[in-house]
Amino acid sequence: MAGRRAARRTALILLYQWDVTGQELASLYEGEVDDYARSLAERVVSTRPLRWPSATPPRTPAAW
């Protein structure tokens, strides 16, 4: 795979697979992972918050 654009696309796929499955980066990726793509994905993972915010809104009190 050549080019930064393709590497950024690969990094996005790696991050998506990691987020959805919880498995190690690039463990599900078929093919060769570019060094730049791996570096990008690892930097994103290293700067993530310890706990992701909830995707569901908070419950409103019954009195509403």
N, C-alpha and C. Protein backbone atom coordinates (compact mmCIF):
# COMPACT_ATOMS: atom_id res chain seq x y z
N MET A 1 0.85 -1.17 0.00
CA MET A 1 0.00 0.00 0.00
C MET A 1 0.90 1.23 0.00
N ALA A 2 0.61 2.16 -0.86
CA ALA A 2 1.47 3.34 -0.97
C ALA A 2 0.66 4.60 -0.73
N GLY A 3 1.32 5.58 -0.19
CA GLY A 3 0.71 6.88 -0.02
C GLY A 3 0.09 7.08 1.35
N ARG A 4 0.14 8.33 1.77
CA ARG A 4 -0.41 8.66 3.09
C ARG A 4 -1.92 8.56 3.13
N ARG A 5 -2.56 8.87 2.03
CA ARG A 5 -4.03 8.78 2.01
C ARG A 5 -4.48 7.34 2.26
N ALA A 6 -3.83 6.40 1.62
CA ALA A 6 -4.16 5.00 1.81
C ALA A 6 -3.81 4.55 3.24
N ALA A 7 -2.72 5.07 3.78
CA ALA A 7 -2.32 4.73 5.15
C ALA A 7 -3.33 5.27 6.16
N ARG A 8 -3.83 6.48 5.92
CA ARG A 8 -4.86 7.04 6.82
C ARG A 8 -6.14 6.22 6.75
N ARG A 9 -6.48 5.74 5.57
CA ARG A 9 -7.66 4.88 5.42
C ARG A 9 -7.46 3.58 6.18
N THR A 10 -6.29 3.00 6.06
CA THR A 10 -5.99 1.77 6.79
C THR A 10 -6.05 2.01 8.29
N ALA A 11 -5.50 3.13 8.75
CA ALA A 11 -5.54 3.45 10.18
C ALA A 11 -6.98 3.56 10.67
N LEU A 12 -7.84 4.16 9.87
CA LEU A 12 -9.24 4.28 10.24
C LEU A 12 -9.90 2.90 10.34
N ILE A 13 -9.59 2.03 9.41
CA ILE A 13 -10.14 0.66 9.45
C ILE A 13 -9.63 -0.07 10.69
N LEU A 14 -8.34 0.08 10.99
CA LEU A 14 -7.77 -0.56 12.18
C LEU A 14 -8.48 -0.07 13.44
N LEU A 15 -8.70 1.23 13.53
CA LEU A 15 -9.36 1.79 14.71
C LEU A 15 -10.81 1.33 14.82
N TYR A 16 -11.49 1.24 13.69
CA TYR A 16 -12.87 0.76 13.70
C TYR A 16 -12.93 -0.68 14.19
N GLN A 17 -12.06 -1.54 13.65
CA GLN A 17 -12.05 -2.94 14.07
C GLN A 17 -11.70 -3.05 15.56
N TRP A 18 -10.75 -2.26 16.01
CA TRP A 18 -10.35 -2.28 17.41
C TRP A 18 -11.51 -1.84 18.31
N ASP A 19 -12.21 -0.78 17.91
CA ASP A 19 -13.31 -0.24 18.71
C ASP A 19 -14.48 -1.22 18.79
N VAL A 20 -14.82 -1.84 17.67
CA VAL A 20 -15.97 -2.72 17.61
C VAL A 20 -15.70 -4.06 18.31
N THR A 21 -14.51 -4.62 18.10
CA THR A 21 -14.23 -5.95 18.62
C THR A 21 -13.49 -5.96 19.95
N GLY A 22 -12.73 -4.90 20.23
CA GLY A 22 -11.93 -4.86 21.45
C GLY A 22 -10.64 -5.67 21.34
N GLN A 23 -10.35 -6.19 20.16
CA GLN A 23 -9.12 -6.97 19.96
C GLN A 23 -7.95 -6.05 19.67
N GLU A 24 -6.76 -6.62 19.67
CA GLU A 24 -5.54 -5.85 19.40
C GLU A 24 -5.61 -5.19 18.03
N LEU A 25 -4.93 -4.05 17.91
CA LEU A 25 -4.85 -3.37 16.62
C LEU A 25 -4.25 -4.30 15.58
N ALA A 26 -4.81 -4.29 14.43
CA ALA A 26 -4.34 -5.03 13.25
C ALA A 26 -4.46 -6.54 13.38
N SER A 27 -5.10 -7.04 14.42
CA SER A 27 -5.24 -8.50 14.53
C SER A 27 -6.25 -9.05 13.53
N LEU A 28 -7.20 -8.25 13.11
CA LEU A 28 -8.21 -8.71 12.16
C LEU A 28 -7.97 -8.22 10.73
N TYR A 29 -7.01 -7.32 10.58
CA TYR A 29 -6.76 -6.72 9.26
C TYR A 29 -6.11 -7.73 8.34
N GLU A 30 -6.66 -7.88 7.17
CA GLU A 30 -6.10 -8.79 6.18
C GLU A 30 -5.16 -8.02 5.28
N GLY A 31 -3.94 -8.44 5.25
CA GLY A 31 -2.95 -7.78 4.41
C GLY A 31 -1.88 -7.11 5.24
N GLU A 32 -0.98 -6.44 4.54
CA GLU A 32 0.15 -5.78 5.16
C GLU A 32 -0.28 -4.42 5.71
N VAL A 33 0.11 -4.13 6.95
CA VAL A 33 -0.21 -2.84 7.56
C VAL A 33 1.00 -1.93 7.42
N ASP A 34 0.80 -0.79 6.81
CA ASP A 34 1.83 0.21 6.62
C ASP A 34 2.31 0.73 7.98
N ASP A 35 3.61 1.03 8.09
CA ASP A 35 4.15 1.55 9.35
C ASP A 35 3.49 2.86 9.76
N TYR A 36 3.24 3.72 8.77
CA TYR A 36 2.59 5.00 9.07
C TYR A 36 1.17 4.78 9.57
N ALA A 37 0.44 3.85 8.99
CA ALA A 37 -0.93 3.57 9.42
C ALA A 37 -0.94 3.02 10.84
N ARG A 38 -0.03 2.11 11.13
CA ARG A 38 0.06 1.55 12.49
C ARG A 38 0.41 2.65 13.49
N SER A 39 1.33 3.51 13.11
CA SER A 39 1.74 4.60 14.00
C SER A 39 0.57 5.54 14.31
N LEU A 40 -0.20 5.89 13.28
CA LEU A 40 -1.37 6.74 13.49
C LEU A 40 -2.38 6.09 14.42
N ALA A 41 -2.69 4.85 14.16
CA ALA A 41 -3.68 4.15 14.98
C ALA A 41 -3.21 3.99 16.42
N GLU A 42 -1.94 3.69 16.62
CA GLU A 42 -1.41 3.53 17.98
C GLU A 42 -1.44 4.85 18.73
N ARG A 43 -1.17 5.97 18.04
CA ARG A 43 -1.24 7.28 18.70
C ARG A 43 -2.65 7.62 19.12
N VAL A 44 -3.63 7.29 18.29
CA VAL A 44 -5.02 7.54 18.65
C VAL A 44 -5.41 6.70 19.87
N VAL A 45 -5.05 5.44 19.87
CA VAL A 45 -5.38 4.56 20.99
C VAL A 45 -4.71 5.04 22.27
N SER A 46 -3.48 5.53 22.18
CA SER A 46 -2.76 5.96 23.37
C SER A 46 -3.33 7.25 23.97
N THR A 47 -4.06 8.04 23.19
CA THR A 47 -4.60 9.30 23.70
C THR A 47 -6.08 9.22 24.02
N ARG A 48 -6.67 8.02 23.92
CA ARG A 48 -8.10 7.90 24.20
C ARG A 48 -8.36 8.08 25.69
N PRO A 49 -9.54 8.53 26.06
CA PRO A 49 -9.86 8.65 27.48
C PRO A 49 -9.96 7.26 28.11
N LEU A 50 -9.75 7.20 29.40
CA LEU A 50 -9.81 5.92 30.09
C LEU A 50 -11.20 5.31 30.01
N ARG A 51 -12.21 6.13 30.00
CA ARG A 51 -13.58 5.63 29.91
C ARG A 51 -14.33 6.45 28.87
N TRP A 52 -14.88 5.77 27.89
CA TRP A 52 -15.63 6.47 26.85
C TRP A 52 -16.94 6.98 27.41
N PRO A 53 -17.39 8.14 26.98
CA PRO A 53 -18.70 8.61 27.41
C PRO A 53 -19.80 7.69 26.90
N SER A 54 -20.86 7.62 27.64
CA SER A 54 -21.96 6.76 27.27
C SER A 54 -22.64 7.26 26.00
N ALA A 55 -23.04 6.34 25.17
CA ALA A 55 -23.70 6.71 23.92
C ALA A 55 -25.18 7.02 24.15
N THR A 56 -25.72 6.62 25.28
CA THR A 56 -27.13 6.87 25.55
C THR A 56 -27.27 8.08 26.45
N PRO A 57 -28.29 8.89 26.23
CA PRO A 57 -28.48 10.08 27.07
C PRO A 57 -28.86 9.67 28.49
N PRO A 58 -28.61 10.54 29.45
CA PRO A 58 -28.98 10.20 30.83
C PRO A 58 -30.50 10.09 30.97
N ARG A 59 -30.93 9.27 31.88
CA ARG A 59 -32.36 9.09 32.09
C ARG A 59 -32.92 10.32 32.79
N THR A 60 -34.10 10.72 32.39
CA THR A 60 -34.73 11.86 33.03
C THR A 60 -35.55 11.38 34.23
N PRO A 61 -35.66 12.21 35.23
CA PRO A 61 -36.46 11.80 36.40
C PRO A 61 -37.91 11.54 36.02
N ALA A 62 -38.56 10.67 36.76
CA ALA A 62 -39.96 10.30 36.48
C ALA A 62 -40.90 11.49 36.64
N ALA A 63 -40.51 12.49 37.43
CA ALA A 63 -41.36 13.65 37.67
C ALA A 63 -41.49 14.55 36.43
N TRP A 64 -40.67 14.38 35.48
CA TRP A 64 -40.75 15.22 34.29
C TRP A 64 -41.95 14.86 33.54
